[in-house]
N, C-alpha and C. Protein backbone atom coordinates (compact mmCIF):
# COMPACT_ATOMS: atom_id res chain seq x y z
N MET A 1 67.35 234.27 31.37
CA MET A 1 66.77 232.97 31.10
C MET A 1 67.37 232.43 29.81
N LYS A 2 67.37 231.13 29.69
CA LYS A 2 67.92 230.51 28.48
C LYS A 2 66.98 229.42 28.01
N GLY A 3 66.64 229.50 26.74
CA GLY A 3 65.82 228.48 26.10
C GLY A 3 66.52 228.03 24.83
N ILE A 4 65.73 227.59 23.89
CA ILE A 4 66.24 227.13 22.60
C ILE A 4 65.96 228.22 21.57
N GLY A 5 67.01 228.74 20.98
CA GLY A 5 66.83 229.72 19.90
C GLY A 5 66.26 229.01 18.69
N ALA A 6 65.03 229.39 18.30
CA ALA A 6 64.34 228.68 17.24
C ALA A 6 64.20 229.48 15.95
N CYS A 7 64.36 230.80 16.02
CA CYS A 7 64.36 231.64 14.83
C CYS A 7 65.20 232.87 15.15
N PRO A 8 66.24 233.15 14.36
CA PRO A 8 67.17 234.22 14.70
C PRO A 8 66.55 235.62 14.66
N GLY A 9 67.19 236.49 15.39
CA GLY A 9 66.78 237.89 15.47
C GLY A 9 66.72 238.32 16.92
N LYS A 10 66.77 239.62 17.13
CA LYS A 10 66.74 240.15 18.49
C LYS A 10 65.67 241.23 18.55
N ARG A 11 64.82 241.17 19.57
CA ARG A 11 63.76 242.15 19.74
C ARG A 11 63.62 242.52 21.21
N ASN A 12 63.12 243.72 21.43
CA ASN A 12 62.86 244.22 22.78
C ASN A 12 61.44 244.76 22.80
N GLY A 13 60.70 244.42 23.86
CA GLY A 13 59.34 244.93 23.99
C GLY A 13 58.65 244.34 25.20
N PRO A 14 57.41 244.77 25.45
CA PRO A 14 56.64 244.23 26.56
C PRO A 14 56.16 242.81 26.24
N VAL A 15 55.97 242.04 27.30
CA VAL A 15 55.53 240.65 27.15
C VAL A 15 54.03 240.57 27.36
N TYR A 16 53.36 239.78 26.52
CA TYR A 16 51.95 239.46 26.72
C TYR A 16 51.85 237.94 26.80
N ILE A 17 51.30 237.45 27.91
CA ILE A 17 51.24 236.00 28.13
C ILE A 17 49.88 235.44 27.71
N PHE A 18 49.93 234.41 26.85
CA PHE A 18 48.74 233.70 26.43
C PHE A 18 48.61 232.44 27.27
N GLU A 19 47.48 232.29 27.93
CA GLU A 19 47.18 231.04 28.63
C GLU A 19 46.41 230.16 27.66
N ALA A 20 46.71 228.89 27.62
CA ALA A 20 46.11 227.98 26.64
C ALA A 20 44.59 227.95 26.72
N SER A 21 44.04 228.07 27.91
CA SER A 21 42.60 227.91 28.08
C SER A 21 41.82 229.22 27.97
N VAL A 22 42.51 230.34 27.78
CA VAL A 22 41.82 231.64 27.76
C VAL A 22 41.79 232.18 26.35
N ALA A 23 40.59 232.49 25.87
CA ALA A 23 40.45 233.09 24.54
C ALA A 23 40.83 234.56 24.62
N VAL A 24 41.52 235.03 23.62
CA VAL A 24 41.94 236.43 23.57
C VAL A 24 40.95 237.18 22.68
N PRO A 25 40.39 238.28 23.18
CA PRO A 25 39.45 239.04 22.35
C PRO A 25 40.12 239.54 21.08
N ASP A 26 39.39 239.52 19.97
CA ASP A 26 39.95 239.95 18.69
C ASP A 26 40.52 241.36 18.74
N LYS A 27 39.89 242.24 19.53
CA LYS A 27 40.40 243.62 19.60
C LYS A 27 41.77 243.65 20.28
N LYS A 28 42.06 242.72 21.18
CA LYS A 28 43.36 242.66 21.83
C LYS A 28 44.43 242.17 20.86
N ILE A 29 44.08 241.23 20.00
CA ILE A 29 45.04 240.68 19.05
C ILE A 29 45.60 241.78 18.16
N GLY A 30 44.75 242.66 17.70
CA GLY A 30 45.19 243.76 16.85
C GLY A 30 46.13 244.71 17.55
N ALA A 31 46.09 244.72 18.88
CA ALA A 31 46.92 245.63 19.66
C ALA A 31 48.27 245.01 20.03
N LEU A 32 48.58 243.83 19.54
CA LEU A 32 49.80 243.13 19.92
C LEU A 32 50.99 243.45 19.02
N ALA A 33 50.86 244.44 18.16
CA ALA A 33 51.90 244.73 17.17
C ALA A 33 53.26 245.03 17.78
N ASP A 34 53.32 245.51 18.98
CA ASP A 34 54.59 245.86 19.61
C ASP A 34 54.97 244.91 20.74
N TYR A 35 54.29 243.77 20.84
CA TYR A 35 54.50 242.86 21.96
C TYR A 35 55.31 241.62 21.58
N ILE A 36 56.01 241.10 22.58
CA ILE A 36 56.59 239.76 22.51
C ILE A 36 55.51 238.87 23.11
N ILE A 37 55.00 237.92 22.35
CA ILE A 37 53.94 237.09 22.92
C ILE A 37 54.54 235.80 23.45
N ALA A 38 54.04 235.39 24.60
CA ALA A 38 54.57 234.24 25.31
C ALA A 38 53.45 233.21 25.48
N PHE A 39 53.71 231.98 25.06
CA PHE A 39 52.71 230.92 25.11
C PHE A 39 52.97 229.99 26.27
N ASN A 40 51.98 229.95 27.17
CA ASN A 40 52.07 229.11 28.36
C ASN A 40 51.26 227.83 28.16
N GLY A 41 51.19 227.38 26.96
CA GLY A 41 50.42 226.17 26.64
C GLY A 41 50.58 225.85 25.18
N ALA A 42 49.64 225.09 24.68
CA ALA A 42 49.72 224.64 23.29
C ALA A 42 49.63 225.80 22.31
N PHE A 43 50.42 225.74 21.28
CA PHE A 43 50.38 226.71 20.19
C PHE A 43 49.41 226.15 19.16
N THR A 44 48.13 226.50 19.30
CA THR A 44 47.08 225.96 18.44
C THR A 44 46.99 226.74 17.13
N PRO A 45 46.26 226.22 16.15
CA PRO A 45 46.08 226.97 14.89
C PRO A 45 45.54 228.39 15.11
N ARG A 46 44.69 228.57 16.09
CA ARG A 46 44.16 229.91 16.37
C ARG A 46 45.30 230.86 16.77
N ARG A 47 46.32 230.34 17.41
CA ARG A 47 47.44 231.17 17.86
C ARG A 47 48.29 231.67 16.69
N VAL A 48 48.20 231.03 15.53
CA VAL A 48 48.93 231.50 14.36
C VAL A 48 48.46 232.91 14.02
N ILE A 49 47.16 233.15 14.12
CA ILE A 49 46.60 234.48 13.87
C ILE A 49 47.17 235.47 14.87
N ASP A 50 47.27 235.07 16.13
CA ASP A 50 47.83 235.94 17.16
C ASP A 50 49.29 236.28 16.85
N ALA A 51 50.03 235.29 16.39
CA ALA A 51 51.46 235.46 16.16
C ALA A 51 51.76 236.42 15.01
N ARG A 52 50.86 236.54 14.08
CA ARG A 52 51.09 237.45 12.95
C ARG A 52 51.22 238.90 13.38
N SER A 53 50.70 239.22 14.56
CA SER A 53 50.68 240.61 15.02
C SER A 53 51.85 240.99 15.91
N CYS A 54 52.67 240.03 16.32
CA CYS A 54 53.66 240.31 17.34
C CYS A 54 55.06 240.54 16.77
N ILE A 55 55.99 240.94 17.65
CA ILE A 55 57.38 241.16 17.22
C ILE A 55 58.28 239.97 17.51
N ALA A 56 57.84 239.06 18.40
CA ALA A 56 58.64 237.89 18.75
C ALA A 56 57.76 236.89 19.51
N ILE A 57 58.25 235.65 19.59
CA ILE A 57 57.51 234.58 20.27
C ILE A 57 58.39 233.92 21.32
N LEU A 58 57.80 233.69 22.49
CA LEU A 58 58.40 232.88 23.55
C LEU A 58 57.46 231.72 23.83
N ALA A 59 58.00 230.57 24.22
CA ALA A 59 57.15 229.44 24.58
C ALA A 59 57.75 228.65 25.74
N ARG A 60 56.86 228.25 26.66
CA ARG A 60 57.28 227.45 27.81
C ARG A 60 57.88 226.13 27.34
N GLY A 61 57.21 225.48 26.40
CA GLY A 61 57.65 224.17 25.95
C GLY A 61 58.15 224.20 24.52
N GLY A 62 58.29 223.02 23.99
CA GLY A 62 58.67 222.88 22.59
C GLY A 62 60.16 222.81 22.36
N GLY A 63 60.47 222.52 21.13
CA GLY A 63 61.86 222.42 20.70
C GLY A 63 62.00 223.10 19.35
N PHE A 64 63.14 222.90 18.73
CA PHE A 64 63.46 223.59 17.49
C PHE A 64 62.44 223.31 16.38
N THR A 65 61.80 222.14 16.41
CA THR A 65 60.85 221.79 15.35
C THR A 65 59.39 221.90 15.79
N CYS A 66 59.11 222.50 16.94
CA CYS A 66 57.73 222.61 17.42
C CYS A 66 56.93 223.60 16.56
N HIS A 67 55.63 223.59 16.74
CA HIS A 67 54.72 224.42 15.95
C HIS A 67 55.06 225.91 16.09
N ALA A 68 55.29 226.38 17.29
CA ALA A 68 55.61 227.80 17.50
C ALA A 68 56.88 228.18 16.75
N ALA A 69 57.89 227.34 16.80
CA ALA A 69 59.16 227.61 16.12
C ALA A 69 58.97 227.63 14.61
N SER A 70 58.21 226.68 14.10
CA SER A 70 57.97 226.62 12.65
C SER A 70 57.23 227.85 12.16
N ILE A 71 56.22 228.27 12.91
CA ILE A 71 55.46 229.46 12.52
C ILE A 71 56.33 230.71 12.60
N ALA A 72 57.16 230.81 13.63
CA ALA A 72 58.06 231.97 13.75
C ALA A 72 58.99 232.05 12.55
N ARG A 73 59.52 230.91 12.13
CA ARG A 73 60.40 230.91 10.96
C ARG A 73 59.64 231.30 9.70
N GLU A 74 58.40 230.84 9.59
CA GLU A 74 57.59 231.21 8.43
C GLU A 74 57.30 232.71 8.41
N LEU A 75 57.05 233.29 9.59
CA LEU A 75 56.76 234.72 9.70
C LEU A 75 58.03 235.56 9.79
N ASN A 76 59.17 234.90 9.93
CA ASN A 76 60.47 235.57 10.07
C ASN A 76 60.52 236.51 11.28
N ILE A 77 60.07 235.98 12.43
CA ILE A 77 60.16 236.74 13.68
C ILE A 77 60.96 235.93 14.70
N PRO A 78 61.73 236.59 15.54
CA PRO A 78 62.55 235.88 16.52
C PRO A 78 61.70 234.99 17.43
N CYS A 79 62.28 233.87 17.82
CA CYS A 79 61.55 232.91 18.66
C CYS A 79 62.50 232.17 19.58
N VAL A 80 62.08 232.04 20.85
CA VAL A 80 62.79 231.22 21.83
C VAL A 80 61.75 230.29 22.45
N VAL A 81 62.04 229.00 22.43
CA VAL A 81 61.12 227.99 22.97
C VAL A 81 61.83 227.18 24.05
N GLY A 82 61.09 226.31 24.71
CA GLY A 82 61.68 225.42 25.70
C GLY A 82 62.18 226.11 26.95
N LEU A 83 61.47 227.15 27.40
CA LEU A 83 61.90 227.86 28.61
C LEU A 83 61.61 227.09 29.90
N GLY A 84 60.67 226.17 29.84
CA GLY A 84 60.35 225.37 31.02
C GLY A 84 59.94 226.21 32.21
N ARG A 85 60.44 225.87 33.40
CA ARG A 85 60.06 226.58 34.63
C ARG A 85 60.48 228.05 34.64
N MET A 86 61.49 228.39 33.85
CA MET A 86 61.92 229.79 33.78
C MET A 86 60.81 230.69 33.26
N PHE A 87 59.86 230.10 32.51
CA PHE A 87 58.73 230.84 31.98
C PHE A 87 57.95 231.52 33.10
N ASP A 88 57.96 230.91 34.30
CA ASP A 88 57.22 231.45 35.44
C ASP A 88 57.75 232.82 35.88
N ASN A 89 58.93 233.20 35.42
CA ASN A 89 59.49 234.52 35.76
C ASN A 89 58.90 235.64 34.91
N LEU A 90 58.13 235.28 33.89
CA LEU A 90 57.52 236.29 33.03
C LEU A 90 56.21 236.78 33.61
N VAL A 91 55.97 238.07 33.48
CA VAL A 91 54.72 238.69 33.93
C VAL A 91 54.25 239.60 32.81
N ASP A 92 52.92 239.61 32.59
CA ASP A 92 52.37 240.53 31.59
C ASP A 92 52.93 241.93 31.79
N GLY A 93 53.38 242.52 30.71
CA GLY A 93 53.86 243.89 30.75
C GLY A 93 55.34 244.05 31.04
N ASN A 94 56.00 242.98 31.53
CA ASN A 94 57.46 243.05 31.72
C ASN A 94 58.11 243.41 30.39
N MET A 95 59.14 244.22 30.44
CA MET A 95 59.94 244.46 29.24
C MET A 95 60.96 243.33 29.13
N ALA A 96 61.14 242.83 27.93
CA ALA A 96 62.08 241.74 27.72
C ALA A 96 62.85 241.95 26.43
N THR A 97 64.03 241.41 26.39
CA THR A 97 64.83 241.36 25.18
C THR A 97 65.08 239.89 24.89
N ILE A 98 64.73 239.45 23.69
CA ILE A 98 64.97 238.06 23.35
C ILE A 98 65.93 237.99 22.17
N ASP A 99 66.74 236.96 22.19
CA ASP A 99 67.67 236.70 21.09
C ASP A 99 67.37 235.30 20.56
N GLY A 100 66.72 235.26 19.42
CA GLY A 100 66.32 233.99 18.83
C GLY A 100 67.48 233.17 18.29
N SER A 101 68.65 233.77 18.20
CA SER A 101 69.83 233.03 17.74
C SER A 101 70.45 232.23 18.88
N THR A 102 70.56 232.86 20.05
CA THR A 102 71.22 232.23 21.20
C THR A 102 70.26 231.60 22.19
N GLY A 103 68.98 231.99 22.15
CA GLY A 103 67.99 231.49 23.10
C GLY A 103 67.97 232.27 24.40
N LEU A 104 68.70 233.37 24.48
CA LEU A 104 68.73 234.17 25.71
C LEU A 104 67.52 235.10 25.79
N VAL A 105 66.98 235.21 27.00
CA VAL A 105 65.86 236.12 27.27
C VAL A 105 66.22 236.92 28.51
N GLU A 106 66.27 238.23 28.37
CA GLU A 106 66.55 239.12 29.49
C GLU A 106 65.27 239.85 29.84
N VAL A 107 64.88 239.77 31.12
CA VAL A 107 63.63 240.37 31.56
C VAL A 107 63.93 241.50 32.53
N GLU A 108 63.35 242.67 32.25
CA GLU A 108 63.47 243.81 33.16
C GLU A 108 62.26 243.79 34.08
N LYS A 109 62.50 243.87 35.37
CA LYS A 109 61.38 243.81 36.31
C LYS A 109 61.05 245.18 36.84
């Protein structure tokens, strides 16, 4: 998959998908330390807390200056945004490698 590289770096790990309308239990957030988190909706202020625990960020929408990209740069974690329909290829628990410099996302099924 190819999106917009929004913060450089390369990471590999399992994917955890956040749905915009679903609240994530606080105990789950603490367990995201080894996950690439993927946002299937708005990156709200509450999601900034979620992002602090992860190794990388993916987002269905957005561009280089979107909220998810800005937060990733602030936290210095790799980020790829603007995946669009390709986001639908992601499933919770899939292993993925993301390259925030090139925008490439490789998913192992």
